[in-house]
Amino acid sequence: MPRALGEPLSSRCFAPECAPDEEGLAITLLPEEVELLRLVDLEGLEQEEAAAVLGVSRRTVWRDLHTARRKVAEALTTGKCLRMDRCPRVDEGKCPRKCRRGMQET
């Protein structure tokens, strides 16, 4: 069942300025994970409310939110690039950070 995701983000990739990831490793956040971070952590919705917005179960929200938070924590603590999956700029070859579809991911 498709999820009801909000508007696409304007920024799709994040990397540390002082020590960019030299190995080409990236952590990829899925669109539904980004939307949950926005709904719960930014907008302040409860998990049940976010589940209703997305049209999924509360258990799915908990699992996806837990995964998204772990990915963000890993990127922040290890200095890896954090990118959003399905970025149209990468597909069109217009990524300002020169992200590649074939980047190794964790």
Protein backbone atom coordinates (compact mmCIF):
# COMPACT_ATOMS: atom_id res chain seq x y z
CA MET A 1 0.00 0.00 0.00
CA PRO A 2 1.50 3.38 -1.01
CA ARG A 3 2.19 5.87 1.75
CA ALA A 4 0.84 9.40 1.72
CA LEU A 5 4.11 11.36 1.73
CA GLY A 6 4.35 15.16 1.96
CA GLU A 7 6.07 17.53 -0.44
CA PRO A 8 9.53 16.54 -1.75
CA LEU A 9 12.49 18.04 0.08
CA SER A 10 14.55 20.77 -1.54
CA SER A 11 17.84 19.44 -0.11
CA ARG A 12 18.56 15.81 -0.78
CA CYS A 13 22.13 15.17 0.47
CA PHE A 14 24.14 16.17 3.50
CA ALA A 15 27.85 15.68 4.09
CA PRO A 16 30.29 17.02 6.66
CA GLU A 17 32.10 20.21 5.58
CA CYS A 18 35.31 19.64 7.54
CA ALA A 19 35.92 16.00 6.66
CA PRO A 20 33.77 14.85 3.76
CA ASP A 21 33.43 11.14 3.39
CA GLU A 22 36.43 10.14 1.29
CA GLU A 23 35.49 6.50 0.87
CA GLY A 24 32.30 7.25 -1.05
CA LEU A 25 30.14 5.60 1.58
CA ALA A 26 26.68 7.02 2.02
CA ILE A 27 23.78 6.29 4.30
CA THR A 28 20.48 6.43 2.44
CA LEU A 29 17.23 7.58 4.01
CA LEU A 30 14.05 6.41 2.33
CA PRO A 31 11.31 8.98 1.60
CA GLU A 32 9.02 7.47 4.23
CA GLU A 33 11.80 7.70 6.84
CA VAL A 34 12.38 11.37 6.07
CA GLU A 35 8.65 12.06 6.25
CA LEU A 36 8.42 10.36 9.64
CA LEU A 37 11.33 12.40 10.98
CA ARG A 38 9.49 15.51 9.81
CA LEU A 39 6.11 14.51 11.23
CA VAL A 40 7.26 13.18 14.61
CA ASP A 41 10.49 15.02 15.41
CA LEU A 42 9.82 18.36 13.68
CA GLU A 43 6.04 18.74 13.71
CA GLY A 44 5.59 17.00 17.07
CA LEU A 45 2.99 14.42 16.04
CA GLU A 46 2.53 11.31 18.13
CA GLN A 47 3.37 8.03 16.40
CA GLU A 48 -0.33 7.13 16.16
CA GLU A 49 -1.07 10.47 14.48
CA ALA A 50 1.81 10.01 12.03
CA ALA A 51 0.53 6.52 11.24
CA ALA A 52 -2.87 7.96 10.35
CA VAL A 53 -1.30 10.64 8.12
CA LEU A 54 0.78 8.06 6.24
CA GLY A 55 -1.90 5.39 6.16
CA VAL A 56 0.21 2.73 7.88
CA SER A 57 0.18 0.94 11.22
CA ARG A 58 1.72 2.40 14.36
CA ARG A 59 4.12 -0.56 14.39
CA THR A 60 5.35 0.38 10.89
CA VAL A 61 5.84 3.98 12.06
CA TRP A 62 7.83 2.84 15.09
CA ARG A 63 10.05 0.55 13.00
CA ASP A 64 10.70 3.12 10.23
CA LEU A 65 11.28 5.95 12.70
CA HIS A 66 13.72 3.84 14.71
CA THR A 67 15.63 2.97 11.51
CA ALA A 68 15.70 6.61 10.36
CA ARG A 69 16.99 7.89 13.69
CA ARG A 70 19.70 5.20 13.73
CA LYS A 71 20.81 6.20 10.22
CA VAL A 72 20.98 9.90 11.13
CA ALA A 73 22.94 9.10 14.31
CA GLU A 74 25.37 6.95 12.34
CA ALA A 75 25.95 9.69 9.76
CA LEU A 76 26.51 12.32 12.45
CA THR A 77 28.90 10.20 14.52
CA THR A 78 30.92 8.62 11.69
CA GLY A 79 31.09 11.53 9.22
CA LYS A 80 29.34 9.65 6.44
CA CYS A 81 27.28 11.37 3.76
CA LEU A 82 23.54 11.24 4.34
CA ARG A 83 21.44 11.16 1.20
CA MET A 84 17.79 10.78 0.41
CA ASP A 85 16.72 7.96 -1.87
CA ARG A 86 15.03 8.72 -5.19
CA CYS A 87 16.58 12.16 -5.61
CA PRO A 88 15.71 13.41 -9.11
CA ARG A 89 18.87 15.55 -9.23
CA VAL A 90 21.06 12.43 -9.07
CA ASP A 91 19.09 10.75 -11.86
CA GLU A 92 19.46 13.85 -14.04
CA GLY A 93 23.19 14.21 -13.28
CA LYS A 94 22.56 17.62 -11.64
CA CYS A 95 23.58 16.85 -8.05
CA PRO A 96 25.69 19.74 -6.69
CA ARG A 97 27.51 17.28 -4.43
CA LYS A 98 28.21 14.96 -7.37
CA CYS A 99 26.36 12.08 -5.75
CA ARG A 100 26.21 8.97 -7.85
CA ARG A 101 23.55 6.27 -8.00
CA GLY A 102 26.26 3.65 -7.65
CA MET A 103 27.65 4.99 -4.37
CA GLN A 104 28.41 2.31 -1.86
CA GLU A 105 25.82 2.39 0.87
CA THR A 106 25.63 1.23 4.43
